[in-house]
């Protein structure tokens, strides 16, 4: 197996399953797990991207790391984490549609709570359009949102971490 994949796979898998456990934990606590998992992901993704890149550099590549190697490892880690998380949320909501309805209701309630501020800043038309979009939201929208909210921060953190951990060995 390619040493890049071999180094990234455990971190992507464990990170993805940690996101699943976080979702289940939040669900069992009775909180709205989808929105909270998005925040939780901003902490978990960079930790596992860092660990995967560092592991590759130190254990698989003799202490050297090129930027492209760091980017490849990071990509594999955060893509795997995003896939596991998104697929789990999709499956969970298929069996427990009330979780989706609670997420939608919490977004509508938040929008209603901030109505005055939003209409003042954005106008009534924008508020009404946002309200309609939330009402028309589907499970696919939630799953795609979760996936993208792991991908974009993952890319951002991978670039930074790859630069920080980059090291070439001179003979």
Protein backbone atom coordinates (compact mmCIF):
# COMPACT_ATOMS: atom_id res chain seq x y z
CA UNK A 1 0.00 0.00 0.00
CA UNK A 2 1.21 3.50 -0.78
CA UNK A 3 2.90 4.96 2.30
CA UNK A 4 0.82 8.16 1.99
CA UNK A 5 -2.41 6.17 2.21
CA UNK A 6 -1.01 3.92 4.91
CA UNK A 7 -0.12 6.95 7.05
CA UNK A 8 -3.39 8.84 6.44
CA UNK A 9 -5.93 6.02 6.67
CA UNK A 10 -5.86 5.46 10.45
CA UNK A 11 -6.18 9.18 11.20
CA UNK A 12 -9.02 9.69 8.75
CA UNK A 13 -10.88 6.65 10.05
CA UNK A 14 -10.40 7.40 13.75
CA UNK A 15 -11.20 11.09 13.22
CA UNK A 16 -14.36 10.19 11.29
CA UNK A 17 -15.49 7.77 13.98
CA UNK A 18 -14.76 10.39 16.64
CA UNK A 19 -17.10 12.73 14.78
CA UNK A 20 -19.72 9.96 14.76
CA UNK A 21 -19.27 9.41 18.48
CA UNK A 22 -19.53 13.15 19.06
CA UNK A 23 -22.80 13.22 17.12
CA UNK A 24 -24.20 10.30 19.10
CA UNK A 25 -23.06 11.81 22.39
CA UNK A 26 -24.76 15.11 21.59
CA UNK A 27 -27.89 13.28 20.48
CA UNK A 28 -28.01 11.25 23.69
CA UNK A 29 -27.57 14.44 25.73
CA UNK A 30 -30.72 15.75 24.09
CA UNK A 31 -29.06 18.65 22.29
CA UNK A 32 -29.41 19.36 18.58
CA UNK A 33 -26.46 17.28 17.27
CA UNK A 34 -26.15 18.48 13.66
CA UNK A 35 -25.33 22.12 14.36
CA UNK A 36 -23.08 21.24 17.27
CA UNK A 37 -21.18 18.67 15.19
CA UNK A 38 -20.28 21.41 12.72
CA UNK A 39 -18.56 23.29 15.53
CA UNK A 40 -17.01 20.09 16.92
CA UNK A 41 -15.59 19.38 13.46
CA UNK A 42 -13.63 22.64 13.47
CA UNK A 43 -11.64 21.28 16.41
CA UNK A 44 -11.34 17.62 15.43
CA UNK A 45 -10.38 18.00 11.75
CA UNK A 46 -7.20 20.06 12.26
CA UNK A 47 -6.04 17.84 15.12
CA UNK A 48 -6.25 14.70 12.98
CA UNK A 49 -4.80 16.41 9.90
CA UNK A 50 -1.83 17.55 12.01
CA UNK A 51 -1.38 14.10 13.55
CA UNK A 52 -1.55 12.38 10.16
CA UNK A 53 0.98 14.68 8.53
CA UNK A 54 3.35 14.55 11.50
CA UNK A 55 3.08 10.75 11.67
CA UNK A 56 3.94 10.49 7.98
CA UNK A 57 6.91 12.83 8.32
CA UNK A 58 8.34 11.20 11.44
CA UNK A 59 7.53 7.50 11.01
CA UNK A 60 7.13 6.87 7.28
CA UNK A 61 9.41 9.40 5.62
CA UNK A 62 12.53 9.56 7.81
CA UNK A 63 11.84 13.04 9.17
CA UNK A 64 11.43 14.72 5.79
CA UNK A 65 8.24 16.26 4.45
CA UNK A 66 7.63 18.07 1.21
CA UNK A 67 4.70 20.44 0.98
CA UNK A 68 3.01 18.22 -1.61
CA UNK A 69 3.27 15.20 0.69
CA UNK A 70 1.69 17.15 3.54
CA UNK A 71 -1.11 18.30 1.26
CA UNK A 72 -1.73 14.75 0.07
CA UNK A 73 -1.84 13.30 3.58
CA UNK A 74 -4.06 16.11 4.84
CA UNK A 75 -6.41 15.69 1.87
CA UNK A 76 -6.81 11.98 2.51
CA UNK A 77 -7.43 12.54 6.22
CA UNK A 78 -10.05 15.27 5.92
CA UNK A 79 -11.83 13.68 2.94
CA UNK A 80 -12.17 10.43 4.85
CA UNK A 81 -13.40 12.24 7.95
CA UNK A 82 -15.91 14.25 5.91
CA UNK A 83 -17.21 11.15 4.13
CA UNK A 84 -17.66 9.16 7.33
CA UNK A 85 -19.40 12.06 9.05
CA UNK A 86 -21.69 12.91 6.14
CA UNK A 87 -22.65 9.30 5.44
CA UNK A 88 -23.39 8.70 9.10
CA UNK A 89 -25.58 11.81 9.33
CA UNK A 90 -27.43 10.79 6.17
CA UNK A 91 -28.05 7.27 7.53
CA UNK A 92 -28.99 8.54 10.99
CA UNK A 93 -31.51 11.00 9.59
CA UNK A 94 -32.95 8.31 7.34
CA UNK A 95 -33.78 6.24 10.43
CA UNK A 96 -34.55 9.18 12.73
CA UNK A 97 -36.22 11.91 10.63
CA UNK A 98 -37.16 13.77 13.80
CA UNK A 99 -33.48 14.79 14.13
CA UNK A 100 -33.73 16.55 10.78
CA UNK A 101 -37.00 18.20 11.77
CA UNK A 102 -35.47 19.40 15.06
CA UNK A 103 -32.48 20.85 13.18
CA UNK A 104 -34.79 22.63 10.77
CA UNK A 105 -36.98 23.90 13.63
CA UNK A 106 -33.97 25.23 15.55
CA UNK A 107 -32.81 27.13 12.45
CA UNK A 108 -36.28 28.60 11.94
CA UNK A 109 -36.45 29.58 15.63
CA UNK A 110 -33.03 31.25 15.44
CA UNK A 111 -34.09 33.11 12.32
CA UNK A 112 -37.28 34.30 14.00
CA UNK A 113 -35.33 35.36 17.07
CA UNK A 114 -32.97 37.47 14.95
CA UNK A 115 -35.68 38.76 12.60
CA UNK A 116 -35.39 42.43 13.63
CA UNK A 117 -31.62 42.51 13.30
CA UNK A 118 -31.61 40.62 9.99
CA UNK A 119 -34.33 42.71 8.35
CA UNK A 120 -32.54 45.87 9.50
CA UNK A 121 -29.22 44.74 8.04
CA UNK A 122 -30.33 42.76 4.98
CA UNK A 123 -33.87 43.87 4.25
CA UNK A 124 -37.22 42.10 4.40
CA UNK A 125 -36.76 40.40 1.02
CA UNK A 126 -33.51 38.72 2.06
CA UNK A 127 -35.04 37.61 5.33
CA UNK A 128 -38.05 36.09 3.55
CA UNK A 129 -35.81 34.33 1.03
CA UNK A 130 -33.67 32.89 3.81
CA UNK A 131 -36.81 31.77 5.64
CA UNK A 132 -38.10 30.01 2.50
CA UNK A 133 -34.71 28.36 1.96
CA UNK A 134 -34.72 26.96 5.49
CA UNK A 135 -38.30 25.73 5.04
CA UNK A 136 -37.28 24.01 1.77
CA UNK A 137 -34.12 22.47 3.26
CA UNK A 138 -33.72 18.73 2.71
CA UNK A 139 -31.64 16.03 4.39
CA UNK A 140 -29.31 16.15 1.39
CA UNK A 141 -28.69 19.86 2.09
CA UNK A 142 -27.73 19.06 5.68
CA UNK A 143 -25.43 16.22 4.61
CA UNK A 144 -23.78 18.34 1.92
CA UNK A 145 -23.35 21.19 4.40
CA UNK A 146 -21.68 18.87 6.92
CA UNK A 147 -19.39 17.45 4.22
CA UNK A 148 -18.33 20.89 2.99
CA UNK A 149 -17.79 22.15 6.54
CA UNK A 150 -15.19 19.46 6.98
CA UNK A 151 -13.59 19.92 3.53
CA UNK A 152 -12.98 23.68 3.49
CA UNK A 153 -11.50 23.96 7.00
CA UNK A 154 -9.56 20.76 6.29
CA UNK A 155 -8.00 22.33 3.20
CA UNK A 156 -7.20 25.55 5.06
CA UNK A 157 -5.59 23.75 8.00
CA UNK A 158 -3.76 21.32 5.73
CA UNK A 159 -2.05 24.18 3.91
CA UNK A 160 -0.93 25.77 7.17
CA UNK A 161 0.13 22.51 8.80
CA UNK A 162 2.01 21.39 5.68
CA UNK A 163 3.97 24.64 5.68
CA UNK A 164 4.74 24.41 9.40
CA UNK A 165 5.81 20.74 9.30
CA UNK A 166 7.67 20.96 5.97
CA UNK A 167 11.22 19.76 6.38
CA UNK A 168 13.81 18.62 3.90
CA UNK A 169 16.86 16.73 4.98
CA UNK A 170 20.24 17.72 3.66
CA UNK A 171 23.00 15.18 3.32
